[in-house]
């Protein structure tokens, strides 16, 4: 008679319970860090927009009316495209909001509405603004 080897059903259930407990402890930390990473990505992309906008202004003499002009424009002295790839969307899939002029006498304002895609909010839904 051959002896069968392997795990018993009880041993498998114990391992599954332990993995479930570990996942319940690790998942909240993981997802809170994911939100911070997305906000950091949005901020970095807006900094790239600022560099492209300043270069555009140096070439053309004024800031563009829309972010699309960084990629294609028929204005005199336009020497773009000013971004290496197509115009990105924010980490949540929404377009960045660009307005000219900005607030408090600044020449422009770039913002992301955050995870909810709506003005205002808190935590991951909080707006990210660069002037």
N, C-alpha and C. Protein backbone atom coordinates (compact mmCIF):
# COMPACT_ATOMS: atom_id res chain seq x y z
N UNK A 1 0.83 -1.17 0.00
CA UNK A 1 0.00 0.00 0.00
C UNK A 1 0.88 1.25 0.00
N UNK A 2 0.54 2.24 -0.88
CA UNK A 2 1.30 3.49 -0.95
C UNK A 2 0.72 4.52 0.01
N UNK A 3 1.61 5.27 0.64
CA UNK A 3 1.18 6.33 1.53
C UNK A 3 1.04 7.62 0.71
N UNK A 4 -0.10 8.29 0.81
CA UNK A 4 -0.30 9.54 0.08
C UNK A 4 0.24 10.69 0.90
N UNK A 5 0.90 11.62 0.18
CA UNK A 5 1.43 12.80 0.85
C UNK A 5 0.71 14.03 0.33
N UNK A 6 0.70 15.06 1.11
CA UNK A 6 0.06 16.30 0.72
C UNK A 6 -0.47 17.01 1.96
N UNK A 7 -1.23 18.07 1.72
CA UNK A 7 -1.78 18.86 2.82
C UNK A 7 -3.20 18.41 3.10
N UNK A 8 -3.58 18.48 4.35
CA UNK A 8 -4.97 18.17 4.72
C UNK A 8 -5.82 19.41 4.51
N UNK A 9 -7.08 19.21 4.49
CA UNK A 9 -8.02 20.32 4.31
C UNK A 9 -7.88 21.34 5.45
N UNK A 10 -7.66 20.91 6.64
CA UNK A 10 -7.49 21.80 7.80
C UNK A 10 -6.26 22.67 7.61
N UNK A 11 -5.16 22.09 7.19
CA UNK A 11 -3.93 22.85 6.97
C UNK A 11 -4.13 23.92 5.90
N UNK A 12 -4.83 23.57 4.83
CA UNK A 12 -5.11 24.55 3.77
C UNK A 12 -5.99 25.68 4.28
N UNK A 13 -7.01 25.36 5.06
CA UNK A 13 -7.88 26.40 5.61
C UNK A 13 -7.12 27.33 6.54
N UNK A 14 -6.21 26.80 7.33
CA UNK A 14 -5.42 27.63 8.23
C UNK A 14 -4.54 28.60 7.43
N UNK A 15 -3.93 28.12 6.36
CA UNK A 15 -3.10 28.99 5.52
C UNK A 15 -3.95 30.08 4.87
N UNK A 16 -5.14 29.73 4.40
CA UNK A 16 -6.02 30.72 3.77
C UNK A 16 -6.45 31.78 4.77
N UNK A 17 -6.76 31.38 6.00
CA UNK A 17 -7.14 32.35 7.04
C UNK A 17 -5.98 33.28 7.36
N UNK A 18 -4.78 32.73 7.47
CA UNK A 18 -3.60 33.57 7.75
C UNK A 18 -3.36 34.55 6.62
N UNK A 19 -3.46 34.11 5.38
CA UNK A 19 -3.29 35.02 4.24
C UNK A 19 -4.36 36.12 4.23
N UNK A 20 -5.58 35.75 4.58
CA UNK A 20 -6.66 36.75 4.65
C UNK A 20 -6.39 37.80 5.71
N UNK A 21 -5.91 37.37 6.87
CA UNK A 21 -5.58 38.32 7.93
C UNK A 21 -4.45 39.25 7.52
N UNK A 22 -3.43 38.70 6.89
CA UNK A 22 -2.31 39.54 6.43
C UNK A 22 -2.79 40.54 5.38
N UNK A 23 -3.62 40.10 4.47
CA UNK A 23 -4.14 41.01 3.44
C UNK A 23 -4.97 42.13 4.05
N UNK A 24 -5.75 41.82 5.08
CA UNK A 24 -6.57 42.86 5.70
C UNK A 24 -5.73 43.88 6.45
N UNK A 25 -4.53 43.50 6.87
CA UNK A 25 -3.64 44.44 7.54
C UNK A 25 -2.83 45.26 6.55
N UNK A 26 -2.45 44.68 5.44
CA UNK A 26 -1.57 45.34 4.48
C UNK A 26 -2.34 46.19 3.48
N UNK A 27 -3.51 45.77 3.07
CA UNK A 27 -4.27 46.46 2.02
C UNK A 27 -4.54 47.93 2.33
N UNK A 28 -5.00 48.30 3.53
CA UNK A 28 -5.26 49.73 3.78
C UNK A 28 -4.01 50.60 3.61
N UNK A 29 -2.87 50.12 4.08
CA UNK A 29 -1.62 50.89 3.91
C UNK A 29 -1.25 50.99 2.44
N UNK A 30 -1.42 49.91 1.71
CA UNK A 30 -1.08 49.91 0.30
C UNK A 30 -1.93 50.92 -0.47
N UNK A 31 -3.24 50.92 -0.24
CA UNK A 31 -4.11 51.81 -1.00
C UNK A 31 -3.94 53.27 -0.59
N UNK A 32 -3.59 53.55 0.66
CA UNK A 32 -3.35 54.95 1.03
C UNK A 32 -2.07 55.45 0.35
N UNK A 33 -1.07 54.59 0.23
CA UNK A 33 0.15 54.98 -0.48
C UNK A 33 -0.09 55.13 -1.96
N UNK A 34 -1.00 54.36 -2.53
CA UNK A 34 -1.33 54.49 -3.94
C UNK A 34 -1.91 55.88 -4.22
N UNK A 35 -2.77 56.36 -3.33
CA UNK A 35 -3.33 57.70 -3.50
C UNK A 35 -2.27 58.77 -3.45
N UNK A 36 -1.29 58.63 -2.55
CA UNK A 36 -0.19 59.59 -2.48
C UNK A 36 0.64 59.56 -3.75
N UNK A 37 0.85 58.39 -4.30
CA UNK A 37 1.63 58.26 -5.53
C UNK A 37 0.92 58.93 -6.70
N UNK A 38 -0.40 58.75 -6.79
CA UNK A 38 -1.16 59.38 -7.87
C UNK A 38 -1.09 60.90 -7.77
N UNK A 39 -1.18 61.43 -6.56
CA UNK A 39 -1.09 62.88 -6.36
C UNK A 39 0.31 63.38 -6.74
N UNK A 40 1.34 62.58 -6.43
CA UNK A 40 2.70 62.94 -6.82
C UNK A 40 2.89 62.94 -8.32
N UNK A 41 2.28 61.97 -9.00
CA UNK A 41 2.35 61.92 -10.47
C UNK A 41 1.68 63.14 -11.07
N UNK A 42 0.52 63.50 -10.56
CA UNK A 42 -0.18 64.68 -11.07
C UNK A 42 0.65 65.94 -10.88
N UNK A 43 1.27 66.07 -9.72
CA UNK A 43 2.10 67.24 -9.46
C UNK A 43 3.31 67.28 -10.40
N UNK A 44 3.92 66.13 -10.64
CA UNK A 44 5.07 66.08 -11.55
C UNK A 44 4.66 66.42 -12.98
N UNK A 45 3.51 65.94 -13.41
CA UNK A 45 3.04 66.27 -14.76
C UNK A 45 2.75 67.76 -14.88
N UNK A 46 2.19 68.36 -13.84
CA UNK A 46 1.91 69.79 -13.89
C UNK A 46 3.21 70.59 -13.90
N UNK A 47 4.24 70.11 -13.25
CA UNK A 47 5.55 70.78 -13.32
C UNK A 47 6.11 70.73 -14.74
N UNK A 48 5.90 69.60 -15.42
CA UNK A 48 6.32 69.50 -16.82
C UNK A 48 5.53 70.47 -17.68
N UNK A 49 4.24 70.65 -17.39
CA UNK A 49 3.44 71.64 -18.11
C UNK A 49 4.01 73.04 -17.90
N UNK A 50 4.40 73.34 -16.67
CA UNK A 50 4.96 74.67 -16.37
C UNK A 50 6.20 74.94 -17.20
N UNK A 51 7.08 73.96 -17.30
CA UNK A 51 8.29 74.11 -18.12
C UNK A 51 7.92 74.34 -19.58
N UNK A 52 6.98 73.53 -20.08
CA UNK A 52 6.56 73.67 -21.48
C UNK A 52 5.88 75.02 -21.71
N UNK A 53 5.07 75.47 -20.77
CA UNK A 53 4.40 76.77 -20.91
C UNK A 53 5.40 77.92 -20.92
N UNK A 54 6.41 77.85 -20.07
CA UNK A 54 7.42 78.91 -20.04
C UNK A 54 8.24 78.92 -21.33
N UNK A 55 8.56 77.75 -21.86
CA UNK A 55 9.29 77.69 -23.12
C UNK A 55 8.44 78.24 -24.26
N UNK A 56 7.15 77.89 -24.27
CA UNK A 56 6.22 78.42 -25.27
C UNK A 56 6.20 79.95 -25.20
N UNK A 57 6.10 80.48 -23.99
CA UNK A 57 6.07 81.95 -23.83
C UNK A 57 7.34 82.60 -24.34
N UNK A 58 8.48 81.98 -24.10
CA UNK A 58 9.75 82.53 -24.60
C UNK A 58 9.78 82.55 -26.12
N UNK A 59 9.23 81.52 -26.75
CA UNK A 59 9.23 81.45 -28.22
C UNK A 59 8.18 82.36 -28.84
N UNK A 60 6.96 82.29 -28.35
CA UNK A 60 5.83 82.98 -28.99
C UNK A 60 5.62 84.38 -28.45
N UNK A 61 5.96 84.60 -27.18
CA UNK A 61 5.79 85.92 -26.59
C UNK A 61 4.62 86.03 -25.64
N UNK A 62 3.80 84.98 -25.55
CA UNK A 62 2.66 84.97 -24.63
C UNK A 62 2.34 83.52 -24.29
N UNK A 63 1.63 83.34 -23.19
CA UNK A 63 1.21 81.98 -22.84
C UNK A 63 0.09 81.54 -23.76
N UNK A 64 -0.04 80.24 -24.00
CA UNK A 64 -1.09 79.76 -24.91
C UNK A 64 -2.48 79.92 -24.30
N UNK A 65 -3.48 79.91 -25.16
CA UNK A 65 -4.86 79.99 -24.70
C UNK A 65 -5.36 78.64 -24.18
N UNK A 66 -4.74 77.55 -24.64
CA UNK A 66 -5.11 76.21 -24.17
C UNK A 66 -3.87 75.32 -24.16
N UNK A 67 -3.92 74.23 -23.43
CA UNK A 67 -2.79 73.31 -23.37
C UNK A 67 -2.55 72.64 -24.72
N UNK A 68 -3.57 72.52 -25.55
CA UNK A 68 -3.43 71.89 -26.86
C UNK A 68 -2.43 72.66 -27.74
N UNK A 69 -2.29 73.97 -27.51
CA UNK A 69 -1.34 74.76 -28.29
C UNK A 69 0.11 74.38 -28.00
N UNK A 70 0.36 73.65 -26.92
CA UNK A 70 1.71 73.16 -26.66
C UNK A 70 2.10 72.08 -27.67
N UNK A 71 1.10 71.42 -28.23
CA UNK A 71 1.34 70.33 -29.18
C UNK A 71 1.23 70.78 -30.63
N UNK A 72 0.34 71.74 -30.90
CA UNK A 72 0.14 72.19 -32.28
C UNK A 72 -0.43 73.60 -32.27
N UNK A 73 0.18 74.47 -33.06
CA UNK A 73 -0.29 75.85 -33.13
C UNK A 73 0.16 76.46 -34.44
N UNK A 74 -0.58 77.45 -34.90
CA UNK A 74 -0.18 78.17 -36.12
C UNK A 74 0.31 79.58 -35.80
N UNK A 75 0.62 79.83 -34.54
CA UNK A 75 1.11 81.15 -34.14
C UNK A 75 2.53 81.37 -34.65
N UNK A 76 2.86 82.61 -34.99
CA UNK A 76 4.23 82.90 -35.44
C UNK A 76 5.25 82.58 -34.36
N UNK A 77 6.41 82.10 -34.75
CA UNK A 77 7.54 81.75 -33.89
C UNK A 77 7.29 80.52 -33.02
N UNK A 78 6.18 79.81 -33.27
CA UNK A 78 5.92 78.57 -32.54
C UNK A 78 6.96 77.55 -32.95
N UNK A 79 7.65 76.95 -31.99
CA UNK A 79 8.73 76.03 -32.29
C UNK A 79 8.53 74.71 -31.55
N UNK A 80 7.30 74.24 -31.51
CA UNK A 80 6.97 73.04 -30.74
C UNK A 80 6.97 71.80 -31.59
N UNK A 81 6.48 70.74 -31.08
CA UNK A 81 5.72 70.62 -29.84
C UNK A 81 6.60 70.76 -28.60
N UNK A 82 5.98 71.25 -27.54
CA UNK A 82 6.70 71.55 -26.31
C UNK A 82 6.61 70.43 -25.28
N UNK A 83 5.86 69.39 -25.59
CA UNK A 83 5.80 68.20 -24.74
C UNK A 83 6.29 67.02 -25.56
N UNK A 84 7.01 66.07 -24.95
CA UNK A 84 7.60 64.98 -25.73
C UNK A 84 6.58 63.99 -26.30
N UNK A 85 5.42 63.88 -25.68
CA UNK A 85 4.39 62.95 -26.13
C UNK A 85 3.08 63.70 -26.21
N UNK A 86 2.01 62.98 -26.48
CA UNK A 86 0.70 63.61 -26.53
C UNK A 86 0.33 64.20 -25.18
N UNK A 87 -0.63 65.09 -25.18
CA UNK A 87 -1.07 65.78 -23.98
C UNK A 87 -1.60 64.76 -22.97
N UNK A 88 -0.99 64.64 -21.79
CA UNK A 88 -1.43 63.61 -20.83
C UNK A 88 -2.69 64.01 -20.09
N UNK A 89 -3.38 63.00 -19.58
CA UNK A 89 -4.49 63.23 -18.67
C UNK A 89 -3.96 62.97 -17.26
N UNK A 90 -4.72 63.38 -16.26
CA UNK A 90 -4.24 63.17 -14.89
C UNK A 90 -4.29 61.67 -14.54
N UNK A 91 -3.72 61.26 -13.42
CA UNK A 91 -3.66 59.83 -13.08
C UNK A 91 -5.03 59.16 -12.95
N UNK A 92 -6.09 59.94 -12.83
CA UNK A 92 -7.44 59.38 -12.69
C UNK A 92 -8.18 59.39 -14.03
N UNK A 93 -7.51 59.82 -15.10
CA UNK A 93 -8.11 59.77 -16.43
C UNK A 93 -8.85 61.03 -16.84
N UNK A 94 -8.76 62.09 -16.09
CA UNK A 94 -9.45 63.34 -16.40
C UNK A 94 -8.46 64.33 -17.04
N UNK A 95 -8.93 65.20 -17.92
CA UNK A 95 -8.01 66.20 -18.47
C UNK A 95 -7.63 67.24 -17.42
N UNK A 96 -6.42 67.77 -17.55
CA UNK A 96 -6.00 68.86 -16.67
C UNK A 96 -6.77 70.12 -17.05
N UNK A 97 -7.01 70.97 -16.06
CA UNK A 97 -7.73 72.21 -16.27
C UNK A 97 -6.70 73.34 -16.33
N UNK A 98 -6.71 74.07 -17.45
CA UNK A 98 -5.77 75.18 -17.65
C UNK A 98 -6.60 76.44 -17.84
N UNK A 99 -6.23 77.49 -17.12
CA UNK A 99 -6.91 78.77 -17.33
C UNK A 99 -5.87 79.88 -17.41
N UNK A 100 -6.18 80.82 -18.26
CA UNK A 100 -5.32 81.97 -18.48
C UNK A 100 -6.20 83.20 -18.47
N UNK A 101 -5.97 84.16 -17.63
CA UNK A 101 -4.94 84.28 -16.61
C UNK A 101 -5.30 83.45 -15.39
N UNK A 102 -4.32 83.29 -14.51
CA UNK A 102 -4.52 82.55 -13.26
C UNK A 102 -5.09 83.47 -12.20
N UNK A 103 -4.94 83.05 -10.96
CA UNK A 103 -5.44 83.84 -9.84
C UNK A 103 -4.33 84.69 -9.26
N UNK A 104 -4.70 85.74 -8.57
CA UNK A 104 -3.76 86.62 -7.86
C UNK A 104 -2.70 87.20 -8.78
N UNK A 105 -3.08 87.55 -10.00
CA UNK A 105 -2.16 88.19 -10.94
C UNK A 105 -1.18 87.24 -11.61
N UNK A 106 -1.31 85.95 -11.41
CA UNK A 106 -0.42 84.99 -12.06
C UNK A 106 -0.87 84.77 -13.50
N UNK A 107 0.08 84.44 -14.38
CA UNK A 107 -0.27 84.36 -15.81
C UNK A 107 -1.15 83.18 -16.18
N UNK A 108 -1.13 82.11 -15.41
CA UNK A 108 -1.96 80.94 -15.72
C UNK A 108 -2.17 80.10 -14.47
N UNK A 109 -3.06 79.13 -14.59
CA UNK A 109 -3.33 78.19 -13.50
C UNK A 109 -3.57 76.81 -14.12
N UNK A 110 -2.90 75.80 -13.57
CA UNK A 110 -3.10 74.42 -14.00
C UNK A 110 -3.60 73.65 -12.80
N UNK A 111 -4.62 72.81 -12.99
CA UNK A 111 -5.12 72.04 -11.87
C UNK A 111 -5.69 70.70 -12.31
N UNK A 112 -5.73 69.79 -11.36
CA UNK A 112 -6.42 68.51 -11.50
C UNK A 112 -7.48 68.48 -10.42
N UNK A 113 -8.65 67.99 -10.77
CA UNK A 113 -9.73 67.93 -9.79
C UNK A 113 -9.60 66.75 -8.82
N UNK A 114 -8.60 65.93 -8.98
CA UNK A 114 -8.40 64.79 -8.09
C UNK A 114 -9.17 63.56 -8.54
N UNK A 115 -9.28 62.59 -7.67
CA UNK A 115 -9.84 61.28 -8.02
C UNK A 115 -11.31 61.35 -8.43
N UNK A 116 -12.09 62.30 -7.88
CA UNK A 116 -13.51 62.35 -8.21
C UNK A 116 -13.79 63.15 -9.48
N UNK A 117 -12.81 63.89 -9.99
CA UNK A 117 -13.01 64.67 -11.21
C UNK A 117 -13.91 65.87 -11.03
N UNK A 118 -14.15 66.28 -9.78
CA UNK A 118 -15.03 67.41 -9.50
C UNK A 118 -14.29 68.45 -8.69
N UNK A 119 -14.69 69.69 -8.82
CA UNK A 119 -14.09 70.79 -8.07
C UNK A 119 -14.30 70.58 -6.58
N UNK A 120 -13.26 70.82 -5.80
CA UNK A 120 -13.33 70.66 -4.35
C UNK A 120 -13.07 69.23 -3.94
N UNK A 121 -13.27 68.95 -2.69
CA UNK A 121 -13.08 67.60 -2.18
C UNK A 121 -11.98 67.55 -1.13
N UNK A 122 -11.81 66.37 -0.56
CA UNK A 122 -10.76 66.17 0.44
C UNK A 122 -10.08 64.83 0.19
N UNK A 123 -8.95 64.63 0.83
CA UNK A 123 -8.15 63.42 0.67
C UNK A 123 -7.78 63.22 -0.80
N UNK A 124 -8.07 62.07 -1.39
CA UNK A 124 -7.72 61.82 -2.79
C UNK A 124 -8.58 62.63 -3.76
N UNK A 125 -9.71 63.14 -3.30
CA UNK A 125 -10.58 63.95 -4.15
C UNK A 125 -10.20 65.43 -4.14
N UNK A 126 -9.22 65.79 -3.31
CA UNK A 126 -8.81 67.19 -3.20
C UNK A 126 -8.14 67.66 -4.50
N UNK A 127 -8.45 68.89 -4.89
CA UNK A 127 -7.86 69.48 -6.10
C UNK A 127 -6.37 69.72 -5.91
N UNK A 128 -5.63 69.55 -6.99
CA UNK A 128 -4.19 69.81 -6.98
C UNK A 128 -3.98 71.01 -7.90
N UNK A 129 -3.39 72.08 -7.39
CA UNK A 129 -3.30 73.33 -8.15
C UNK A 129 -1.86 73.78 -8.26
N UNK A 130 -1.47 74.18 -9.48
CA UNK A 130 -0.18 74.83 -9.72
C UNK A 130 -0.46 76.17 -10.37
N UNK A 131 0.14 77.23 -9.83
CA UNK A 131 -0.01 78.57 -10.42
C UNK A 131 1.28 78.97 -11.07
